[in-house]
Amino acid sequence: VRQIEAWWQTERQAHIKRPYSAKSIAALRNLGFKIEYPSSAQGR
């Protein structure tokens, strides 16, 4: 949850307003298993 909240404050994400919480997103993730997607690097 802390990682998501910090990510949402980055320059890339700060302008987005979500109607849900970081807790909701964390609960929907595969906790403890992180995948890095090239799509993310291309998006940045």
All heavy atoms as atom14 arrays in JSON, in Angstrom:
{
  "sequence": "VRQIEAWWQTERQAHIKRPYSAKSIAALRNLGFKIEYPSSAQGR",
  "atom14_mask": [
    [1, 1, 1, 1, 1, 1, 1, 0, 0, 0, 0, 0, 0, 0],
    [1, 1, 1, 1, 1, 1, 1, 1, 1, 1, 1, 0, 0, 0],
    [1, 1, 1, 1, 1, 1, 1, 1, 1, 0, 0, 0, 0, 0],
    [1, 1, 1, 1, 1, 1, 1, 1, 0, 0, 0, 0, 0, 0],
    [1, 1, 1, 1, 1, 1, 1, 1, 1, 0, 0, 0, 0, 0],
    [1, 1, 1, 1, 1, 0, 0, 0, 0, 0, 0, 0, 0, 0],
    [1, 1, 1, 1, 1, 1, 1, 1, 1, 1, 1, 1, 1, 1],
    [1, 1, 1, 1, 1, 1, 1, 1, 1, 1, 1, 1, 1, 1],
    [1, 1, 1, 1, 1, 1, 1, 1, 1, 0, 0, 0, 0, 0],
    [1, 1, 1, 1, 1, 1, 1, 0, 0, 0, 0, 0, 0, 0],
    [1, 1, 1, 1, 1, 1, 1, 1, 1, 0, 0, 0, 0, 0],
    [1, 1, 1, 1, 1, 1, 1, 1, 1, 1, 1, 0, 0, 0],
    [1, 1, 1, 1, 1, 1, 1, 1, 1, 0, 0, 0, 0, 0],
    [1, 1, 1, 1, 1, 0, 0, 0, 0, 0, 0, 0, 0, 0],
    [1, 1, 1, 1, 1, 1, 1, 1, 1, 1, 0, 0, 0, 0],
    [1, 1, 1, 1, 1, 1, 1, 1, 0, 0, 0, 0, 0, 0],
    [1, 1, 1, 1, 1, 1, 1, 1, 1, 0, 0, 0, 0, 0],
    [1, 1, 1, 1, 1, 1, 1, 1, 1, 1, 1, 0, 0, 0],
    [1, 1, 1, 1, 1, 1, 1, 0, 0, 0, 0, 0, 0, 0],
    [1, 1, 1, 1, 1, 1, 1, 1, 1, 1, 1, 1, 0, 0],
    [1, 1, 1, 1, 1, 1, 0, 0, 0, 0, 0, 0, 0, 0],
    [1, 1, 1, 1, 1, 0, 0, 0, 0, 0, 0, 0, 0, 0],
    [1, 1, 1, 1, 1, 1, 1, 1, 1, 0, 0, 0, 0, 0],
    [1, 1, 1, 1, 1, 1, 0, 0, 0, 0, 0, 0, 0, 0],
    [1, 1, 1, 1, 1, 1, 1, 1, 0, 0, 0, 0, 0, 0],
    [1, 1, 1, 1, 1, 0, 0, 0, 0, 0, 0, 0, 0, 0],
    [1, 1, 1, 1, 1, 0, 0, 0, 0, 0, 0, 0, 0, 0],
    [1, 1, 1, 1, 1, 1, 1, 1, 0, 0, 0, 0, 0, 0],
    [1, 1, 1, 1, 1, 1, 1, 1, 1, 1, 1, 0, 0, 0],
    [1, 1, 1, 1, 1, 1, 1, 1, 0, 0, 0, 0, 0, 0],
    [1, 1, 1, 1, 1, 1, 1, 1, 0, 0, 0, 0, 0, 0],
    [1, 1, 1, 1, 0, 0, 0, 0, 0, 0, 0, 0, 0, 0],
    [1, 1, 1, 1, 1, 1, 1, 1, 1, 1, 1, 0, 0, 0],
    [1, 1, 1, 1, 1, 1, 1, 1, 1, 0, 0, 0, 0, 0],
    [1, 1, 1, 1, 1, 1, 1, 1, 0, 0, 0, 0, 0, 0],
    [1, 1, 1, 1, 1, 1, 1, 1, 1, 0, 0, 0, 0, 0],
    [1, 1, 1, 1, 1, 1, 1, 1, 1, 1, 1, 1, 0, 0],
    [1, 1, 1, 1, 1, 1, 1, 0, 0, 0, 0, 0, 0, 0],
    [1, 1, 1, 1, 1, 1, 0, 0, 0, 0, 0, 0, 0, 0],
    [1, 1, 1, 1, 1, 1, 0, 0, 0, 0, 0, 0, 0, 0],
    [1, 1, 1, 1, 1, 0, 0, 0, 0, 0, 0, 0, 0, 0],
    [1, 1, 1, 1, 1, 1, 1, 1, 1, 0, 0, 0, 0, 0],
    [1, 1, 1, 1, 0, 0, 0, 0, 0, 0, 0, 0, 0, 0],
    [1, 1, 1, 1, 1, 1, 1, 1, 1, 1, 1, 0, 0, 0]
  ],
  "atom14_positions": [
    [[0.84, -1.2, 0.0], [0.0, 0.0, 0.0], [0.88, 1.25, 0.0], [0.63, 2.19, -0.76], [-0.95, 0.0, 1.22], [-1.67, 1.35, 1.33], [-1.95, -1.13, 1.12], [0.0, 0.0, 0.0], [0.0, 0.0, 0.0], [0.0, 0.0, 0.0], [0.0, 0.0, 0.0], [0.0, 0.0, 0.0], [0.0, 0.0, 0.0], [0.0, 0.0, 0.0]],
    [[1.92, 1.25, 0.84], [2.83, 2.41, 0.9], [3.54, 2.62, -0.43], [3.73, 3.76, -0.9], [3.85, 2.24, 2.03], [3.24, 2.33, 3.42], [4.33, 2.44, 4.48], [5.19, 1.27, 4.52], [4.95, 0.19, 5.27], [3.87, 0.13, 6.03], [5.8, -0.83, 5.28], [0.0, 0.0, 0.0], [0.0, 0.0, 0.0], [0.0, 0.0, 0.0]],
    [[3.92, 1.51, -1.07], [4.6, 1.62, -2.36], [3.66, 2.21, -3.41], [4.07, 3.06, -4.21], [5.08, 0.23, -2.8], [5.85, 0.22, -4.12], [4.95, 0.09, -5.34], [3.95, -0.62, -5.32], [5.28, 0.8, -6.42], [0.0, 0.0, 0.0], [0.0, 0.0, 0.0], [0.0, 0.0, 0.0], [0.0, 0.0, 0.0], [0.0, 0.0, 0.0]],
    [[2.41, 1.78, -3.43], [1.44, 2.31, -4.4], [1.2, 3.79, -4.15], [1.17, 4.6, -5.09], [0.13, 1.51, -4.31], [0.34, 0.07, -4.79], [-0.97, 2.17, -5.14], [-0.83, -0.86, -4.52], [0.0, 0.0, 0.0], [0.0, 0.0, 0.0], [0.0, 0.0, 0.0], [0.0, 0.0, 0.0], [0.0, 0.0, 0.0], [0.0, 0.0, 0.0]],
    [[1.02, 4.16, -2.9], [0.78, 5.57, -2.56], [1.95, 6.45, -2.97], [1.76, 7.56, -3.48], [0.5, 5.7, -1.06], [-0.84, 5.11, -0.65], [-1.05, 5.1, 0.85], [-0.04, 5.17, 1.59], [-2.21, 5.03, 1.3], [0.0, 0.0, 0.0], [0.0, 0.0, 0.0], [0.0, 0.0, 0.0], [0.0, 0.0, 0.0], [0.0, 0.0, 0.0]],
    [[3.17, 5.95, -2.77], [4.36, 6.71, -3.18], [4.44, 6.8, -4.7], [4.78, 7.86, -5.26], [5.62, 6.04, -2.62], [0.0, 0.0, 0.0], [0.0, 0.0, 0.0], [0.0, 0.0, 0.0], [0.0, 0.0, 0.0], [0.0, 0.0, 0.0], [0.0, 0.0, 0.0], [0.0, 0.0, 0.0], [0.0, 0.0, 0.0], [0.0, 0.0, 0.0]],
    [[4.11, 5.73, -5.39], [4.11, 5.72, -6.86], [3.1, 6.73, -7.4], [3.39, 7.45, -8.36], [3.79, 4.31, -7.34], [3.62, 4.15, -8.82], [4.42, 4.65, -9.81], [2.58, 3.41, -9.48], [3.95, 4.27, -11.05], [2.83, 3.51, -10.88], [1.5, 2.66, -9.03], [1.99, 2.89, -11.82], [0.69, 2.04, -9.96], [0.93, 2.17, -11.34]],
    [[1.94, 6.8, -6.79], [0.91, 7.73, -7.25], [1.29, 9.2, -7.05], [0.65, 10.08, -7.61], [-0.41, 7.43, -6.54], [-1.09, 6.19, -7.05], [-0.71, 5.41, -8.1], [-2.27, 5.57, -6.51], [-1.57, 4.35, -8.26], [-2.54, 4.42, -7.3], [-3.13, 5.88, -5.44], [-3.63, 3.59, -7.05], [-4.2, 5.05, -5.19], [-4.46, 3.92, -5.98]],
    [[2.33, 9.44, -6.26], [2.79, 10.81, -6.05], [3.94, 11.2, -6.97], [4.41, 12.34, -6.94], [3.23, 10.99, -4.59], [2.1, 10.84, -3.58], [0.94, 11.78, -3.86], [1.14, 12.98, -4.07], [-0.27, 11.25, -3.87], [0.0, 0.0, 0.0], [0.0, 0.0, 0.0], [0.0, 0.0, 0.0], [0.0, 0.0, 0.0], [0.0, 0.0, 0.0]],
    [[4.4, 10.27, -7.81], [5.49, 10.59, -8.73], [5.01, 11.55, -9.81], [3.8, 11.71, -10.05], [6.03, 9.31, -9.39], [4.97, 8.69, -10.15], [6.56, 8.34, -8.35], [0.0, 0.0, 0.0], [0.0, 0.0, 0.0], [0.0, 0.0, 0.0], [0.0, 0.0, 0.0], [0.0, 0.0, 0.0], [0.0, 0.0, 0.0], [0.0, 0.0, 0.0]],
    [[5.96, 12.19, -10.46], [5.62, 13.16, -11.52], [4.79, 12.53, -12.62], [3.9, 13.16, -13.17], [6.92, 13.74, -12.1], [6.72, 14.87, -13.09], [6.66, 14.38, -14.54], [7.05, 13.22, -14.8], [6.19, 15.16, -15.4], [0.0, 0.0, 0.0], [0.0, 0.0, 0.0], [0.0, 0.0, 0.0], [0.0, 0.0, 0.0], [0.0, 0.0, 0.0]],
    [[5.04, 11.28, -12.9], [4.31, 10.58, -13.96], [2.84, 10.31, -13.58], [1.96, 10.3, -14.45], [5.03, 9.25, -14.26], [4.25, 8.25, -15.1], [4.02, 8.76, -16.52], [3.11, 7.86, -17.23], [1.78, 7.98, -17.22], [1.21, 8.99, -16.58], [1.03, 7.13, -17.88], [0.0, 0.0, 0.0], [0.0, 0.0, 0.0], [0.0, 0.0, 0.0]],
    [[2.54, 10.11, -12.31], [1.22, 9.68, -11.88], [0.41, 10.73, -11.13], [-0.81, 10.57, -10.96], [1.35, 8.44, -10.98], [1.9, 7.21, -11.68], [0.89, 6.57, -12.6], [-0.3, 6.66, -12.4], [1.39, 5.9, -13.65], [0.0, 0.0, 0.0], [0.0, 0.0, 0.0], [0.0, 0.0, 0.0], [0.0, 0.0, 0.0], [0.0, 0.0, 0.0]],
    [[1.04, 11.8, -10.69], [0.39, 12.71, -9.74], [-0.85, 13.4, -10.3], [-1.74, 13.81, -9.53], [1.4, 13.76, -9.25], [0.0, 0.0, 0.0], [0.0, 0.0, 0.0], [0.0, 0.0, 0.0], [0.0, 0.0, 0.0], [0.0, 0.0, 0.0], [0.0, 0.0, 0.0], [0.0, 0.0, 0.0], [0.0, 0.0, 0.0], [0.0, 0.0, 0.0]],
    [[-0.95, 13.56, -11.61], [-2.1, 14.27, -12.19], [-3.35, 13.42, -12.26], [-4.44, 13.93, -12.51], [-1.75, 14.75, -13.6], [-1.52, 13.62, -14.56], [-0.37, 12.86, -14.55], [-2.3, 13.1, -15.55], [-0.44, 11.94, -15.49], [-1.6, 12.05, -16.11], [0.0, 0.0, 0.0], [0.0, 0.0, 0.0], [0.0, 0.0, 0.0], [0.0, 0.0, 0.0]],
    [[-3.23, 12.12, -12.03], [-4.38, 11.21, -12.16], [-5.16, 11.17, -10.85], [-4.57, 11.05, -9.76], [-3.89, 9.8, -12.54], [-3.19, 9.84, -13.9], [-5.05, 8.81, -12.57], [-2.41, 8.59, -14.23], [0.0, 0.0, 0.0], [0.0, 0.0, 0.0], [0.0, 0.0, 0.0], [0.0, 0.0, 0.0], [0.0, 0.0, 0.0], [0.0, 0.0, 0.0]],
    [[-6.47, 11.28, -10.94], [-7.35, 11.23, -9.77], [-8.17, 9.93, -9.83], [-8.97, 9.74, -10.72], [-8.29, 12.44, -9.74], [-7.58, 13.77, -9.86], [-6.54, 13.98, -8.77], [-5.81, 15.32, -8.95], [-4.67, 15.45, -8.0], [0.0, 0.0, 0.0], [0.0, 0.0, 0.0], [0.0, 0.0, 0.0], [0.0, 0.0, 0.0], [0.0, 0.0, 0.0]],
    [[-7.93, 9.09, -8.85], [-8.58, 7.77, -8.85], [-9.78, 7.76, -7.91], [-9.7, 8.32, -6.81], [-7.58, 6.7, -8.42], [-6.49, 6.45, -9.48], [-5.16, 6.27, -8.82], [-4.17, 5.73, -9.77], [-3.13, 6.43, -10.21], [-2.93, 7.67, -9.8], [-2.27, 5.89, -11.06], [0.0, 0.0, 0.0], [0.0, 0.0, 0.0], [0.0, 0.0, 0.0]],
    [[-10.85, 7.06, -8.29], [-12.0, 6.95, -7.41], [-11.92, 5.77, -6.46], [-12.93, 5.33, -5.91], [-13.16, 6.77, -8.4], [-12.55, 6.04, -9.54], [-11.12, 6.52, -9.64], [0.0, 0.0, 0.0], [0.0, 0.0, 0.0], [0.0, 0.0, 0.0], [0.0, 0.0, 0.0], [0.0, 0.0, 0.0], [0.0, 0.0, 0.0], [0.0, 0.0, 0.0]],
    [[-10.7, 5.22, -6.28], [-10.5, 4.08, -5.39], [-9.2, 4.29, -4.62], [-8.42, 5.2, -4.91], [-10.45, 2.78, -6.19], [-9.57, 2.82, -7.42], [-8.17, 2.79, -7.33], [-10.12, 2.91, -8.7], [-7.36, 2.85, -8.45], [-9.32, 2.97, -9.83], [-7.95, 2.93, -9.69], [-7.15, 3.0, -10.81], [0.0, 0.0, 0.0], [0.0, 0.0, 0.0]],
    [[-8.98, 3.46, -3.63], [-7.83, 3.63, -2.73], [-6.67, 2.72, -3.1], [-6.83, 1.72, -3.82], [-8.25, 3.34, -1.29], [-8.56, 1.95, -1.14], [0.0, 0.0, 0.0], [0.0, 0.0, 0.0], [0.0, 0.0, 0.0], [0.0, 0.0, 0.0], [0.0, 0.0, 0.0], [0.0, 0.0, 0.0], [0.0, 0.0, 0.0], [0.0, 0.0, 0.0]],
    [[-5.5, 3.06, -2.57], [-4.32, 2.21, -2.76], [-4.53, 0.85, -2.1], [-4.03, -0.17, -2.59], [-3.09, 2.9, -2.19], [0.0, 0.0, 0.0], [0.0, 0.0, 0.0], [0.0, 0.0, 0.0], [0.0, 0.0, 0.0], [0.0, 0.0, 0.0], [0.0, 0.0, 0.0], [0.0, 0.0, 0.0], [0.0, 0.0, 0.0], [0.0, 0.0, 0.0]],
    [[-5.3, 0.81, -1.0], [-5.57, -0.46, -0.34], [-6.36, -1.4, -1.27], [-6.09, -2.61, -1.3], [-6.35, -0.23, 0.95], [-5.51, 0.3, 2.1], [-6.31, 0.34, 3.39], [-5.43, 0.79, 4.55], [-6.2, 0.8, 5.82], [0.0, 0.0, 0.0], [0.0, 0.0, 0.0], [0.0, 0.0, 0.0], [0.0, 0.0, 0.0], [0.0, 0.0, 0.0]],
    [[-7.31, -0.83, -2.0], [-8.09, -1.66, -2.91], [-7.21, -2.26, -4.0], [-7.36, -3.44, -4.37], [-9.21, -0.84, -3.55], [-10.15, -0.43, -2.56], [0.0, 0.0, 0.0], [0.0, 0.0, 0.0], [0.0, 0.0, 0.0], [0.0, 0.0, 0.0], [0.0, 0.0, 0.0], [0.0, 0.0, 0.0], [0.0, 0.0, 0.0], [0.0, 0.0, 0.0]],
    [[-6.29, -1.45, -4.52], [-5.4, -1.94, -5.58], [-4.44, -2.98, -5.03], [-4.2, -4.03, -5.65], [-4.63, -0.77, -6.22], [-5.6, 0.18, -6.92], [-3.57, -1.29, -7.19], [-6.43, -0.46, -8.02], [0.0, 0.0, 0.0], [0.0, 0.0, 0.0], [0.0, 0.0, 0.0], [0.0, 0.0, 0.0], [0.0, 0.0, 0.0], [0.0, 0.0, 0.0]],
    [[-3.89, -2.74, -3.83], [-2.97, -3.7, -3.23], [-3.64, -5.05, -3.01], [-3.03, -6.11, -3.21], [-2.43, -3.15, -1.92], [0.0, 0.0, 0.0], [0.0, 0.0, 0.0], [0.0, 0.0, 0.0], [0.0, 0.0, 0.0], [0.0, 0.0, 0.0], [0.0, 0.0, 0.0], [0.0, 0.0, 0.0], [0.0, 0.0, 0.0], [0.0, 0.0, 0.0]],
    [[-4.91, -5.0, -2.64], [-5.64, -6.24, -2.39], [-5.9, -7.02, -3.67], [-6.13, -8.24, -3.63], [-6.97, -5.94, -1.7], [0.0, 0.0, 0.0], [0.0, 0.0, 0.0], [0.0, 0.0, 0.0], [0.0, 0.0, 0.0], [0.0, 0.0, 0.0], [0.0, 0.0, 0.0], [0.0, 0.0, 0.0], [0.0, 0.0, 0.0], [0.0, 0.0, 0.0]],
    [[-5.84, -6.35, -4.82], [-6.09, -7.0, -6.11], [-4.8, -7.45, -6.79], [-4.84, -8.07, -7.85], [-6.85, -6.04, -7.04], [-8.3, -5.76, -6.64], [-8.86, -4.58, -7.44], [-9.16, -7.0, -6.85], [0.0, 0.0, 0.0], [0.0, 0.0, 0.0], [0.0, 0.0, 0.0], [0.0, 0.0, 0.0], [0.0, 0.0, 0.0], [0.0, 0.0, 0.0]],
    [[-3.65, -7.14, -6.19], [-2.37, -7.54, -6.78], [-1.96, -8.94, -6.33], [-2.48, -9.48, -5.36], [-1.28, -6.54, -6.38], [-1.35, -5.21, -7.11], [-0.16, -4.35, -6.75], [-0.08, -3.16, -7.59], [0.91, -2.27, -7.53], [1.9, -2.44, -6.66], [0.92, -1.24, -8.32], [0.0, 0.0, 0.0], [0.0, 0.0, 0.0], [0.0, 0.0, 0.0]],
    [[-0.99, -9.5, -7.08], [-0.37, -10.75, -6.66], [0.71, -10.39, -5.64], [1.88, -10.2, -5.98], [0.24, -11.48, -7.85], [-0.81, -11.89, -8.86], [-0.96, -11.27, -9.91], [-1.56, -12.92, -8.54], [0.0, 0.0, 0.0], [0.0, 0.0, 0.0], [0.0, 0.0, 0.0], [0.0, 0.0, 0.0], [0.0, 0.0, 0.0], [0.0, 0.0, 0.0]],
    [[0.32, -10.29, -4.39], [1.21, -9.81, -3.34], [2.43, -10.72, -3.21], [2.32, -11.95, -3.13], [0.44, -9.77, -2.02], [1.08, -9.0, -0.86], [1.25, -7.54, -1.24], [0.21, -9.11, 0.39], [0.0, 0.0, 0.0], [0.0, 0.0, 0.0], [0.0, 0.0, 0.0], [0.0, 0.0, 0.0], [0.0, 0.0, 0.0], [0.0, 0.0, 0.0]],
    [[3.59, -10.1, -3.24], [4.84, -10.85, -3.11], [5.38, -11.38, -4.41], [6.37, -12.11, -4.42], [0.0, 0.0, 0.0], [0.0, 0.0, 0.0], [0.0, 0.0, 0.0], [0.0, 0.0, 0.0], [0.0, 0.0, 0.0], [0.0, 0.0, 0.0], [0.0, 0.0, 0.0], [0.0, 0.0, 0.0], [0.0, 0.0, 0.0], [0.0, 0.0, 0.0]],
    [[4.74, -11.02, -5.52], [5.2, -11.5, -6.83], [5.12, -10.32, -7.8], [4.05, -9.97, -8.27], [4.34, -12.66, -7.32], [4.88, -13.34, -8.55], [5.86, -14.31, -8.43], [4.43, -13.01, -9.81], [6.38, -14.94, -9.56], [4.93, -13.63, -10.95], [5.92, -14.61, -10.8], [0.0, 0.0, 0.0], [0.0, 0.0, 0.0], [0.0, 0.0, 0.0]],
    [[6.24, -9.71, -8.09], [6.3, -8.5, -8.9], [6.75, -8.82, -10.32], [7.76, -9.5, -10.52], [7.27, -7.49, -8.27], [7.49, -6.22, -9.06], [6.26, -5.33, -9.07], [6.56, -3.99, -9.71], [5.36, -3.14, -9.83], [0.0, 0.0, 0.0], [0.0, 0.0, 0.0], [0.0, 0.0, 0.0], [0.0, 0.0, 0.0], [0.0, 0.0, 0.0]],
    [[6.0, -8.32, -11.32], [6.37, -8.49, -12.72], [6.69, -7.1, -13.29], [5.91, -6.16, -13.12], [5.23, -9.12, -13.54], [4.85, -10.49, -12.96], [5.63, -9.27, -15.0], [3.66, -11.14, -13.64], [0.0, 0.0, 0.0], [0.0, 0.0, 0.0], [0.0, 0.0, 0.0], [0.0, 0.0, 0.0], [0.0, 0.0, 0.0], [0.0, 0.0, 0.0]],
    [[7.81, -6.98, -13.96], [8.18, -5.73, -14.63], [7.8, -5.85, -16.11], [8.25, -6.78, -16.79], [9.68, -5.46, -14.5], [10.15, -5.25, -13.07], [9.69, -3.93, -12.48], [9.28, -3.05, -13.28], [9.73, -3.79, -11.25], [0.0, 0.0, 0.0], [0.0, 0.0, 0.0], [0.0, 0.0, 0.0], [0.0, 0.0, 0.0], [0.0, 0.0, 0.0]],
    [[6.98, -4.94, -16.58], [6.5, -4.99, -17.96], [7.19, -3.94, -18.82], [7.26, -2.76, -18.43], [4.99, -4.74, -18.01], [4.16, -5.8, -17.33], [3.73, -5.64, -16.02], [3.82, -6.98, -18.0], [2.95, -6.61, -15.39], [3.04, -7.95, -17.38], [2.62, -7.76, -16.08], [1.86, -8.72, -15.46], [0.0, 0.0, 0.0], [0.0, 0.0, 0.0]],
    [[7.72, -4.32, -19.99], [8.3, -3.32, -20.9], [7.32, -2.21, -21.26], [7.73, -1.08, -21.54], [8.68, -4.16, -22.14], [8.86, -5.54, -21.63], [7.86, -5.7, -20.52], [0.0, 0.0, 0.0], [0.0, 0.0, 0.0], [0.0, 0.0, 0.0], [0.0, 0.0, 0.0], [0.0, 0.0, 0.0], [0.0, 0.0, 0.0], [0.0, 0.0, 0.0]],
    [[6.03, -2.5, -21.26], [5.01, -1.5, -21.54], [5.15, -0.29, -20.62], [4.91, 0.84, -21.03], [3.62, -2.13, -21.38], [2.6, -1.17, -21.5], [0.0, 0.0, 0.0], [0.0, 0.0, 0.0], [0.0, 0.0, 0.0], [0.0, 0.0, 0.0], [0.0, 0.0, 0.0], [0.0, 0.0, 0.0], [0.0, 0.0, 0.0], [0.0, 0.0, 0.0]],
    [[5.54, -0.54, -19.38], [5.69, 0.54, -18.41], [6.84, 1.46, -18.79], [6.72, 2.7, -18.75], [5.91, -0.04, -17.02], [5.83, 0.95, -16.02], [0.0, 0.0, 0.0], [0.0, 0.0, 0.0], [0.0, 0.0, 0.0], [0.0, 0.0, 0.0], [0.0, 0.0, 0.0], [0.0, 0.0, 0.0], [0.0, 0.0, 0.0], [0.0, 0.0, 0.0]],
    [[7.97, 0.87, -19.18], [9.12, 1.68, -19.6], [8.79, 2.47, -20.86], [9.18, 3.65, -20.99], [10.32, 0.77, -19.86], [0.0, 0.0, 0.0], [0.0, 0.0, 0.0], [0.0, 0.0, 0.0], [0.0, 0.0, 0.0], [0.0, 0.0, 0.0], [0.0, 0.0, 0.0], [0.0, 0.0, 0.0], [0.0, 0.0, 0.0], [0.0, 0.0, 0.0]],
    [[8.07, 1.85, -21.79], [7.69, 2.56, -23.02], [6.69, 3.67, -22.72], [6.7, 4.72, -23.37], [7.11, 1.57, -24.03], [8.12, 0.59, -24.62], [9.21, 1.27, -25.4], [10.2, 1.75, -24.83], [9.04, 1.34, -26.71], [0.0, 0.0, 0.0], [0.0, 0.0, 0.0], [0.0, 0.0, 0.0], [0.0, 0.0, 0.0], [0.0, 0.0, 0.0]],
    [[5.82, 3.45, -21.74], [4.9, 4.5, -21.34], [5.62, 5.7, -20.76], [5.28, 6.86, -21.06], [0.0, 0.0, 0.0], [0.0, 0.0, 0.0], [0.0, 0.0, 0.0], [0.0, 0.0, 0.0], [0.0, 0.0, 0.0], [0.0, 0.0, 0.0], [0.0, 0.0, 0.0], [0.0, 0.0, 0.0], [0.0, 0.0, 0.0], [0.0, 0.0, 0.0]],
    [[6.62, 5.46, -19.94], [7.41, 6.57, -19.38], [8.19, 7.29, -20.47], [8.32, 8.53, -20.44], [8.35, 6.05, -18.29], [7.64, 5.61, -17.02], [8.62, 5.33, -15.9], [9.49, 4.2, -16.17], [9.2, 2.93, -15.86], [8.05, 2.65, -15.28], [10.05, 1.96, -16.11], [0.0, 0.0, 0.0], [0.0, 0.0, 0.0], [0.0, 0.0, 0.0]]
  ]
}
